[in-house]
N, C-alpha and C. Protein backbone atom coordinates (compact mmCIF):
# COMPACT_ATOMS: atom_id res chain seq x y z
N MET A 1 0.47 -1.15 -0.45
CA MET A 1 0.20 -0.23 -0.21
C MET A 1 0.89 1.33 -0.35
N PRO A 2 0.54 2.31 -1.06
CA PRO A 2 1.85 3.33 -1.20
C PRO A 2 0.97 4.03 0.46
N GLY A 3 2.76 4.72 0.92
CA GLY A 3 1.81 5.88 1.67
C GLY A 3 2.36 4.98 3.27
N ARG A 4 2.20 3.47 3.23
CA ARG A 4 2.47 2.84 4.31
C ARG A 4 3.67 3.78 4.98
N ARG A 5 2.94 3.82 6.60
CA ARG A 5 4.29 3.97 7.22
C ARG A 5 4.18 2.98 9.22
N ARG A 6 5.63 2.54 9.15
CA ARG A 6 5.86 1.46 10.03
C ARG A 6 5.47 2.07 11.53
N GLN A 7 5.26 1.81 12.24
CA GLN A 7 4.62 2.17 13.08
C GLN A 7 5.82 1.17 14.08
N SER A 8 6.66 1.73 14.87
CA SER A 8 7.85 0.81 15.72
C SER A 8 8.40 2.37 16.34
N PRO A 9 9.25 1.57 17.39
CA PRO A 9 9.58 2.68 18.10
C PRO A 9 11.02 3.51 17.51
N TYR A 10 11.64 2.38 16.48
CA TYR A 10 12.81 2.70 15.70
C TYR A 10 12.92 3.01 14.19
N THR A 11 11.41 2.78 13.90
CA THR A 11 11.18 3.04 12.81
C THR A 11 9.95 4.21 12.43
N GLU A 12 9.39 4.38 13.72
CA GLU A 12 8.09 5.82 13.14
C GLU A 12 8.36 6.91 12.83
N GLY A 13 7.69 7.24 11.32
CA GLY A 13 7.67 7.96 10.33
C GLY A 13 8.41 7.73 9.56
N VAL A 14 8.95 6.38 8.92
CA VAL A 14 9.62 6.16 8.03
C VAL A 14 8.63 5.60 7.30
N ASP A 15 8.64 5.67 5.82
CA ASP A 15 8.52 4.73 4.98
C ASP A 15 8.51 3.66 4.77
N GLU A 16 7.52 2.50 4.83
CA GLU A 16 8.35 1.19 4.52
C GLU A 16 9.13 0.67 3.19
N ARG A 17 10.28 0.01 3.48
CA ARG A 17 11.07 0.01 2.90
C ARG A 17 11.95 -1.79 2.27
N ILE A 18 11.53 -2.20 0.94
CA ILE A 18 12.31 -3.59 1.22
C ILE A 18 13.60 -3.68 1.10
N CYS A 19 13.71 -4.35 1.08
CA CYS A 19 15.12 -5.24 1.00
C CYS A 19 15.59 -5.21 -0.50
N SER A 20 17.08 -4.41 -0.36
CA SER A 20 17.84 -3.60 -1.73
C SER A 20 18.34 -5.24 -2.72
N LYS A 21 18.28 -6.27 -1.88
CA LYS A 21 18.44 -7.73 -2.76
C LYS A 21 17.72 -7.68 -4.12
N VAL A 22 18.42 -8.08 -4.84
CA VAL A 22 17.72 -8.40 -6.84
C VAL A 22 16.71 -8.95 -6.29
N GLY A 23 15.22 -9.51 -6.36
CA GLY A 23 14.21 -10.23 -5.68
C GLY A 23 13.80 -10.66 -5.34
N CYS A 24 14.30 -9.88 -3.90
CA CYS A 24 13.49 -10.00 -2.38
C CYS A 24 12.97 -8.73 -2.76
N ARG A 25 11.71 -9.25 -1.70
CA ARG A 25 10.40 -8.56 -1.57
C ARG A 25 10.05 -8.24 -0.13
N ARG A 26 11.45 -9.27 0.72
CA ARG A 26 10.76 -9.13 2.13
C ARG A 26 11.35 -7.30 2.63
N GLU A 27 10.24 -6.98 3.70
CA GLU A 27 10.44 -6.13 4.81
C GLU A 27 12.03 -5.71 5.27
N ALA A 28 12.29 -4.56 4.83
CA ALA A 28 14.21 -3.80 4.79
C ALA A 28 13.80 -3.47 6.56
N ILE A 29 14.49 -4.31 7.08
CA ILE A 29 14.48 -3.61 8.86
C ILE A 29 16.14 -3.42 9.31
N SER A 30 17.15 -3.45 8.26
CA SER A 30 18.45 -2.82 8.39
C SER A 30 18.39 -1.78 7.31
N THR A 31 20.27 -1.25 7.45
CA THR A 31 21.16 -0.22 6.55
C THR A 31 22.06 -0.84 6.60
N LEU A 32 22.92 -0.80 5.73
CA LEU A 32 24.18 -1.91 5.25
C LEU A 32 25.15 -0.66 4.69
N THR A 33 26.29 0.20 5.07
CA THR A 33 26.73 0.99 4.49
C THR A 33 28.47 0.34 4.61
N TYR A 34 29.15 0.77 3.29
CA TYR A 34 30.54 0.12 3.50
C TYR A 34 31.80 1.32 3.19
N ASP A 35 32.74 1.07 4.48
CA ASP A 35 33.73 1.99 3.83
C ASP A 35 34.83 1.48 3.55
N TYR A 36 35.36 1.57 2.45
CA TYR A 36 36.30 0.97 1.50
C TYR A 36 37.55 1.46 2.28
N ALA A 37 37.84 1.96 2.36
CA ALA A 37 39.31 2.51 3.14
C ALA A 37 39.51 1.76 4.09
N ASP A 38 38.88 1.48 4.92
CA ASP A 38 38.69 0.74 5.86
C ASP A 38 38.28 -0.53 5.83
N GLN A 39 37.95 -1.21 4.95
CA GLN A 39 37.58 -2.62 4.46
C GLN A 39 36.86 -2.62 5.55
N MET A 40 35.73 -2.18 5.65
CA MET A 40 34.51 -2.46 7.25
C MET A 40 33.21 -2.15 6.55
N ALA A 41 31.77 -3.23 6.74
CA ALA A 41 31.23 -3.13 6.55
C ALA A 41 30.34 -2.76 8.00
N VAL A 42 29.18 -1.71 7.97
CA VAL A 42 28.31 -1.22 8.67
C VAL A 42 27.11 -1.66 8.50
N LEU A 43 26.30 -2.50 9.73
CA LEU A 43 24.89 -2.95 9.94
C LEU A 43 24.27 -2.84 10.79
N GLY A 44 23.46 -1.44 10.65
CA GLY A 44 22.58 -1.19 11.70
C GLY A 44 21.54 -1.23 11.70
N PRO A 45 20.37 -0.65 12.64
CA PRO A 45 18.74 -0.69 12.42
C PRO A 45 18.65 0.18 11.17
N LEU A 46 17.37 -0.11 10.29
CA LEU A 46 17.33 0.48 9.35
C LEU A 46 17.27 2.44 9.48
N GLY A 47 17.85 3.15 8.85
CA GLY A 47 18.28 4.32 8.54
C GLY A 47 16.98 5.31 8.69
N LEU A 48 16.50 6.09 9.67
CA LEU A 48 15.74 7.24 9.17
C LEU A 48 14.85 7.89 7.41
N ALA A 49 15.94 7.77 7.15
CA ALA A 49 15.90 8.08 5.36
C ALA A 49 17.06 7.98 4.73
N ARG A 50 16.40 7.30 3.65
CA ARG A 50 16.89 6.22 2.24
C ARG A 50 18.00 6.88 2.41
N ASP A 51 19.68 6.54 1.89
CA ASP A 51 20.38 7.29 1.27
C ASP A 51 21.24 5.90 0.10
N PRO A 52 21.05 6.66 -1.07
CA PRO A 52 21.68 6.27 -2.19
C PRO A 52 22.90 5.60 -2.04
N HIS A 53 23.92 5.45 -1.12
CA HIS A 53 25.41 4.75 -1.27
C HIS A 53 24.64 3.53 -0.05
N ALA A 54 23.90 3.47 0.58
CA ALA A 54 23.74 2.45 1.45
C ALA A 54 22.59 1.12 1.03
N TYR A 55 22.53 0.49 1.47
CA TYR A 55 21.71 -0.84 1.07
C TYR A 55 21.03 -0.88 2.44
N ASP A 56 19.26 -1.05 2.19
CA ASP A 56 18.30 -1.72 3.01
C ASP A 56 17.77 -3.45 2.44
N LEU A 57 17.79 -3.78 4.08
CA LEU A 57 18.05 -5.08 4.74
C LEU A 57 16.99 -6.07 5.09
N CYS A 58 16.35 -7.28 4.51
CA CYS A 58 15.82 -7.67 5.16
C CYS A 58 16.02 -8.66 6.20
N ALA A 59 15.63 -9.49 6.91
CA ALA A 59 15.76 -9.89 8.38
C ALA A 59 17.27 -11.05 7.83
N LEU A 60 16.54 -11.91 7.30
CA LEU A 60 17.56 -12.81 6.31
C LEU A 60 18.96 -11.75 5.61
N HIS A 61 18.66 -11.19 5.06
CA HIS A 61 20.38 -11.02 3.98
C HIS A 61 20.72 -10.77 4.95
N ALA A 62 20.34 -9.40 6.23
CA ALA A 62 21.35 -9.01 6.97
C ALA A 62 21.87 -9.92 7.97
N GLU A 63 21.16 -10.93 8.30
CA GLU A 63 21.93 -12.06 9.06
C GLU A 63 22.56 -12.96 7.92
N ARG A 64 22.49 -13.26 6.97
CA ARG A 64 23.51 -13.81 6.13
C ARG A 64 24.72 -12.87 5.25
N LEU A 65 24.43 -12.04 5.66
CA LEU A 65 25.93 -10.99 5.58
C LEU A 65 26.91 -11.60 5.51
N SER A 66 27.95 -11.10 4.60
CA SER A 66 29.28 -11.51 4.88
C SER A 66 29.83 -10.42 3.75
N THR A 67 31.39 -10.32 3.72
CA THR A 67 32.18 -9.77 3.17
C THR A 67 33.38 -9.93 2.56
N PRO A 68 33.83 -9.67 1.50
CA PRO A 68 35.42 -10.35 1.04
C PRO A 68 36.20 -10.25 2.50
N GLN A 69 37.67 -11.62 2.08
CA GLN A 69 38.00 -11.72 3.37
C GLN A 69 38.48 -11.07 3.72
N GLY A 70 39.05 -10.47 5.18
CA GLY A 70 39.75 -9.16 5.24
C GLY A 70 39.15 -8.08 5.85
N TRP A 71 37.91 -8.26 5.47
CA TRP A 71 36.92 -7.22 5.15
C TRP A 71 36.34 -7.06 7.39
N GLN A 72 36.26 -6.28 8.22
CA GLN A 72 35.32 -6.40 9.38
C GLN A 72 33.92 -5.86 8.77
N ILE A 73 33.18 -7.03 10.56
CA ILE A 73 31.97 -6.29 9.64
C ILE A 73 31.46 -5.98 11.34
N ILE A 74 30.38 -4.71 11.17
CA ILE A 74 30.02 -3.97 12.76
C ILE A 74 28.41 -4.12 12.59
N ARG A 75 28.28 -4.57 13.68
CA ARG A 75 26.83 -4.55 13.44
C ARG A 75 26.11 -3.94 15.32
N HIS A 76 25.90 -2.84 14.56
CA HIS A 76 25.12 -1.90 15.77
C HIS A 76 23.34 -2.31 15.60
N VAL A 77 22.89 -3.41 17.10
CA VAL A 77 21.84 -3.23 17.69
C VAL A 77 20.78 -1.97 18.15
N ALA A 78 19.64 -2.22 17.95
CA ALA A 78 19.02 -1.19 19.18
C ALA A 78 18.00 -2.32 19.97
N TYR A 79 18.71 -1.95 21.30
CA TYR A 79 17.64 -2.69 21.53
C TYR A 79 15.98 -2.06 22.23
N GLU A 80 15.13 -2.75 22.46
CA GLU A 80 13.79 -2.33 22.82
C GLU A 80 13.49 -1.79 24.68
N ALA A 81 13.42 -0.39 24.78
CA ALA A 81 13.34 -0.42 26.34
C ALA A 81 12.54 -1.13 26.79
N GLU A 82 12.96 -1.82 28.21
CA GLU A 82 11.65 -2.51 28.81
C GLU A 82 10.30 -1.78 29.66
N SER A 83 9.17 -2.52 29.27
CA SER A 83 8.01 -2.06 30.27
C SER A 83 8.76 -2.18 31.71
N LEU A 84 8.03 -1.50 32.50
CA LEU A 84 7.76 -1.49 33.98
C LEU A 84 6.82 -1.46 34.17
């Protein structure tokens, strides 16, 4: 549905986005960026805005992420606040 918005603490106000992997139509939950100079991939929660230099990934592709030998993967995890 066009214009549908996700309602979660981490993506509130963000348009729903799909995985950047070719042929995948799953909902994106993470954003992947690369730092080529430092041979590093950074995977974090879905970014608030689309970035043409980043890739949005679904849970499956975020979990299966691999990089070239010698590269480092940094995984940032967002934690939900506990209900009291």
